[in-house]
Amino acid sequence: MIEELLPDSVVAVEVHGHGELENAVLYPEEAALVARAVPKRRREFAVVRACARRAMEKLGVPPQPVLPGERGAPRWPAGLTGSMTHCDGYCAAALVRAGDLASLGIDAEPHGPLPDGVLESVSLPGERARLRELAAANPAVHWDRLLFSAKESVYKAWFPLTGKWLDFTEADIDILVTPGTPYGGTLRAELLVPGPLVGGERRGVLEGRWTVRDGLVATSVTVPYA
């Protein structure tokens, strides 16, 4: 599911229901980070890193620990950049050679409505107006959850390029539906703060894709060099 939202240069590994990676083993330094966590948290932490290590292998990079850096962002092996996501029953990791993409972000969420009050705290008035239009055209999609996921993907792509926090209300996201495919399309995020410098150019807009499938919402954002 995630792979179809990403360019061919990106390697994605995903697991539904944890499957064969249910008993994934952590490196000691990873295990120490979740030693006091509840079993569900430890399992997801291990499975998503097992996905990342399989992606490393596919790119010809020896598997190694994935430890959190600043603000929890994963520290990738030299020469790689990527993103991870997990929610109940689903884990995925996407990696790419740093020479092929400047940055990327992925996110998956359960396809259900956001809790009461959350949409108002993470969205702009214009975004909420557009969500109402989308809901009128296709009420089967939980557009509020999709917007939340898109904001997460935008942040995951933004942070490695800037090292700065990006508030939910500092990116104005427009969700576009691909004609003939009501459960998929593209997204466009206009940054309301100075964008990252990529190849000497200030990027004020980040773009990505989305899909709704198998009880999940999934989004991606990729930042090319040109």
Protein backbone atom coordinates (compact mmCIF):
# COMPACT_ATOMS: atom_id res chain seq x y z
CA MET A 1 0.00 0.00 0.00
CA ILE A 2 2.71 2.52 0.98
CA GLU A 3 4.93 1.47 -1.92
CA GLU A 4 2.38 2.54 -4.52
CA LEU A 5 2.45 6.07 -3.07
CA LEU A 6 6.20 6.45 -3.58
CA PRO A 7 8.64 6.87 -6.49
CA ASP A 8 10.37 3.79 -7.90
CA SER A 9 13.64 4.82 -6.27
CA VAL A 10 12.13 4.22 -2.81
CA VAL A 11 12.12 0.78 -1.20
CA ALA A 12 9.15 0.18 1.08
CA VAL A 13 8.49 -2.79 3.36
CA GLU A 14 5.15 -3.14 5.13
CA VAL A 15 3.50 -5.68 7.38
CA HIS A 16 -0.22 -6.06 8.02
CA GLY A 17 -1.03 -7.62 11.38
CA HIS A 18 2.72 -7.97 12.10
CA GLY A 19 2.73 -11.43 10.45
CA GLU A 20 6.11 -13.11 10.11
CA LEU A 21 7.82 -10.22 11.86
CA GLU A 22 5.74 -10.60 15.02
CA ASN A 23 8.79 -11.83 16.95
CA ALA A 24 11.30 -9.42 15.45
CA VAL A 25 14.44 -9.05 17.56
CA LEU A 26 15.81 -5.67 18.56
CA TYR A 27 19.44 -4.67 18.90
CA PRO A 28 20.41 -4.20 22.56
CA GLU A 29 20.55 -0.41 22.27
CA GLU A 30 17.05 -0.41 20.74
CA ALA A 31 15.64 -2.78 23.33
CA ALA A 32 16.89 -0.50 26.11
CA LEU A 33 14.70 2.30 24.77
CA VAL A 34 11.48 0.32 25.23
CA ALA A 35 12.41 -1.86 28.18
CA ARG A 36 9.66 -0.32 30.32
CA ALA A 37 7.08 0.05 27.56
CA VAL A 38 3.88 -2.00 27.39
CA PRO A 39 4.05 -5.14 25.20
CA LYS A 40 2.08 -3.56 22.33
CA ARG A 41 4.49 -0.63 22.15
CA ARG A 42 7.54 -2.92 22.25
CA ARG A 43 6.09 -5.13 19.50
CA GLU A 44 5.33 -2.22 17.15
CA PHE A 45 8.73 -0.68 17.88
CA ALA A 46 10.42 -3.97 16.92
CA VAL A 47 8.31 -4.76 13.86
CA VAL A 48 8.68 -1.35 12.24
CA ARG A 49 12.46 -1.57 12.69
CA ALA A 50 12.45 -5.05 11.18
CA CYS A 51 10.69 -3.48 8.16
CA ALA A 52 13.42 -0.82 8.02
CA ARG A 53 16.19 -3.41 8.13
CA ARG A 54 14.64 -5.37 5.28
CA ALA A 55 14.53 -2.15 3.28
CA MET A 56 18.22 -1.58 4.08
CA GLU A 57 19.06 -5.04 2.76
CA LYS A 58 17.15 -4.36 -0.46
CA LEU A 59 19.29 -1.26 -0.93
CA GLY A 60 22.48 -3.23 -0.28
CA VAL A 61 23.11 -1.71 3.14
CA PRO A 62 23.94 -4.02 6.09
CA PRO A 63 21.09 -4.09 8.65
CA GLN A 64 21.81 -1.96 11.69
CA PRO A 65 20.05 -0.31 14.65
CA VAL A 66 17.55 2.47 14.04
CA LEU A 67 17.83 4.82 16.99
CA PRO A 68 15.89 8.03 17.58
CA GLY A 69 17.66 11.32 17.14
CA GLU A 70 16.45 14.85 17.76
CA ARG A 71 12.70 15.01 18.46
CA GLY A 72 12.52 11.25 17.98
CA ALA A 73 13.30 11.32 14.26
CA PRO A 74 15.05 8.08 13.19
CA ARG A 75 18.78 8.24 12.52
CA TRP A 76 19.44 6.41 9.26
CA PRO A 77 22.69 4.86 8.01
CA ALA A 78 24.95 7.20 6.07
CA GLY A 79 23.75 7.64 2.52
CA LEU A 80 20.11 6.81 3.25
CA THR A 81 17.03 8.76 4.20
CA GLY A 82 13.62 7.44 5.04
CA SER A 83 10.55 7.30 7.22
CA MET A 84 8.61 4.83 9.36
CA THR A 85 5.03 4.54 10.52
CA HIS A 86 2.93 2.18 12.61
CA CYS A 87 -0.61 1.96 13.88
CA ASP A 88 -2.76 -0.86 15.20
CA GLY A 89 -2.07 -3.89 13.02
CA TYR A 90 0.16 -2.16 10.47
CA CYS A 91 3.83 -1.19 10.23
CA ALA A 92 5.84 0.20 7.32
CA ALA A 93 9.25 1.66 6.54
CA ALA A 94 10.41 3.42 3.39
CA LEU A 95 14.06 4.08 2.55
CA VAL A 96 15.84 5.70 -0.37
CA ARG A 97 19.38 6.60 -1.26
CA ALA A 98 20.03 10.18 -0.19
CA GLY A 99 21.19 11.04 -3.71
CA ASP A 100 17.78 10.14 -5.14
CA LEU A 101 15.52 12.15 -2.83
CA ALA A 102 16.16 14.99 -0.42
CA SER A 103 13.60 13.70 2.07
CA LEU A 104 10.42 11.69 2.46
CA GLY A 105 7.67 11.09 4.99
CA ILE A 106 5.06 8.36 5.32
CA ASP A 107 2.15 7.89 7.70
CA ALA A 108 -0.65 5.38 8.22
CA GLU A 109 -3.70 5.75 10.44
CA PRO A 110 -6.80 3.69 11.14
CA HIS A 111 -9.58 4.78 8.79
CA GLY A 112 -11.91 6.27 11.35
CA PRO A 113 -12.95 9.73 12.54
CA LEU A 114 -10.63 11.79 14.70
CA PRO A 115 -11.62 12.15 18.35
CA ASP A 116 -13.86 15.10 19.13
CA GLY A 117 -12.02 18.41 19.15
CA VAL A 118 -8.84 17.18 17.47
CA LEU A 119 -9.63 18.47 13.98
CA GLU A 120 -10.10 22.00 15.27
CA SER A 121 -6.70 21.93 16.97
CA VAL A 122 -4.72 20.59 14.00
CA SER A 123 -6.36 22.33 11.04
CA LEU A 124 -6.93 25.74 9.49
CA PRO A 125 -10.38 27.19 8.70
CA GLY A 126 -9.74 26.85 4.97
CA GLU A 127 -8.77 23.22 5.36
CA ARG A 128 -11.95 22.48 7.29
CA ALA A 129 -14.02 24.16 4.57
CA ARG A 130 -12.39 21.99 1.91
CA LEU A 131 -12.96 18.87 4.01
CA ARG A 132 -16.68 19.65 4.13
CA GLU A 133 -16.73 19.83 0.34
CA LEU A 134 -14.89 16.52 0.07
CA ALA A 135 -17.25 14.88 2.57
CA ALA A 136 -20.27 16.08 0.60
CA ALA A 137 -18.86 14.43 -2.53
CA ASN A 138 -17.74 11.21 -0.81
CA PRO A 139 -18.93 10.71 2.79
CA ALA A 140 -17.38 7.22 2.94
CA VAL A 141 -13.91 8.70 3.51
CA HIS A 142 -12.94 10.06 6.93
CA TRP A 143 -11.36 13.19 5.51
CA ASP A 144 -10.42 14.54 8.94
CA ARG A 145 -8.23 11.50 9.58
CA LEU A 146 -6.73 11.80 6.11
CA LEU A 147 -5.80 15.42 6.76
CA PHE A 148 -4.20 14.46 10.07
CA SER A 149 -2.15 11.74 8.35
CA ALA A 150 -1.08 14.17 5.64
CA LYS A 151 0.14 16.63 8.29
CA GLU A 152 2.19 13.85 9.87
CA SER A 153 3.80 12.97 6.54
CA VAL A 154 4.56 16.62 5.84
CA TYR A 155 6.28 16.98 9.21
CA LYS A 156 8.32 13.78 8.73
CA ALA A 157 9.58 15.07 5.37
CA TRP A 158 10.16 18.60 6.72
CA PHE A 159 12.12 17.86 9.89
CA PRO A 160 15.22 16.15 8.39
CA LEU A 161 15.68 19.15 6.10
CA THR A 162 15.29 21.83 8.76
CA GLY A 163 15.78 20.33 12.22
CA LYS A 164 12.87 22.51 13.31
CA TRP A 165 9.40 21.88 14.68
CA LEU A 166 6.48 22.46 12.27
CA ASP A 167 3.14 23.14 13.89
CA PHE A 168 0.00 21.55 12.46
CA THR A 169 -1.27 25.00 11.52
CA GLU A 170 1.93 26.00 9.70
CA ALA A 171 1.10 23.96 6.61
CA ASP A 172 -2.08 24.48 4.59
CA ILE A 173 -2.90 21.15 2.94
CA ASP A 174 -5.13 20.70 -0.08
CA ILE A 175 -6.31 17.13 -0.68
CA LEU A 176 -6.99 16.34 -4.34
CA VAL A 177 -8.95 13.32 -5.55
CA THR A 178 -7.81 11.55 -8.70
CA PRO A 179 -10.77 11.35 -11.13
CA GLY A 180 -12.22 7.86 -11.27
CA THR A 181 -10.46 6.77 -8.06
CA PRO A 182 -12.45 8.19 -5.11
CA TYR A 183 -10.15 6.52 -2.59
CA GLY A 184 -6.84 7.94 -3.76
CA GLY A 185 -5.17 11.06 -5.02
CA THR A 186 -2.54 13.67 -4.34
CA LEU A 187 -1.93 16.31 -1.70
CA ARG A 188 -0.32 19.73 -1.76
CA ALA A 189 1.05 21.38 1.37
CA GLU A 190 1.69 25.12 1.25
CA LEU A 191 4.14 25.98 4.02
CA LEU A 192 3.16 29.07 5.99
CA VAL A 193 6.70 29.48 7.35
CA PRO A 194 9.94 29.69 5.32
CA GLY A 195 10.37 26.35 3.58
CA PRO A 196 13.48 24.17 3.62
CA LEU A 197 16.42 24.89 1.38
CA VAL A 198 16.87 22.10 -1.16
CA GLY A 199 19.57 22.46 -3.79
CA GLY A 200 19.85 26.14 -2.99
CA GLU A 201 16.12 26.67 -3.58
CA ARG A 202 13.57 27.55 -0.91
CA ARG A 203 10.69 25.06 -1.10
CA GLY A 204 7.41 26.64 -0.14
CA VAL A 205 5.27 23.71 -1.25
CA LEU A 206 5.59 19.99 -0.48
CA GLU A 207 3.65 17.39 -2.45
CA GLY A 208 2.55 13.83 -1.86
CA ARG A 209 -0.04 11.14 -2.40
CA TRP A 210 -2.75 9.38 -0.41
CA THR A 211 -4.92 6.29 -0.41
CA VAL A 212 -7.68 4.73 1.69
CA ARG A 213 -7.66 0.95 1.70
CA ASP A 214 -8.01 -2.10 3.94
CA GLY A 215 -9.29 -0.07 6.86
CA LEU A 216 -6.33 2.33 6.74
CA VAL A 217 -5.50 5.83 5.57
CA ALA A 218 -1.97 6.15 4.18
CA THR A 219 -0.11 9.24 3.00
CA SER A 220 3.33 10.06 1.67
CA VAL A 221 5.32 13.21 0.98
CA THR A 222 8.51 13.21 -1.09
CA VAL A 223 10.96 16.07 -1.62
CA PRO A 224 12.92 15.75 -4.87
CA TYR A 225 16.04 17.77 -5.55
CA ALA A 226 14.46 19.49 -8.53
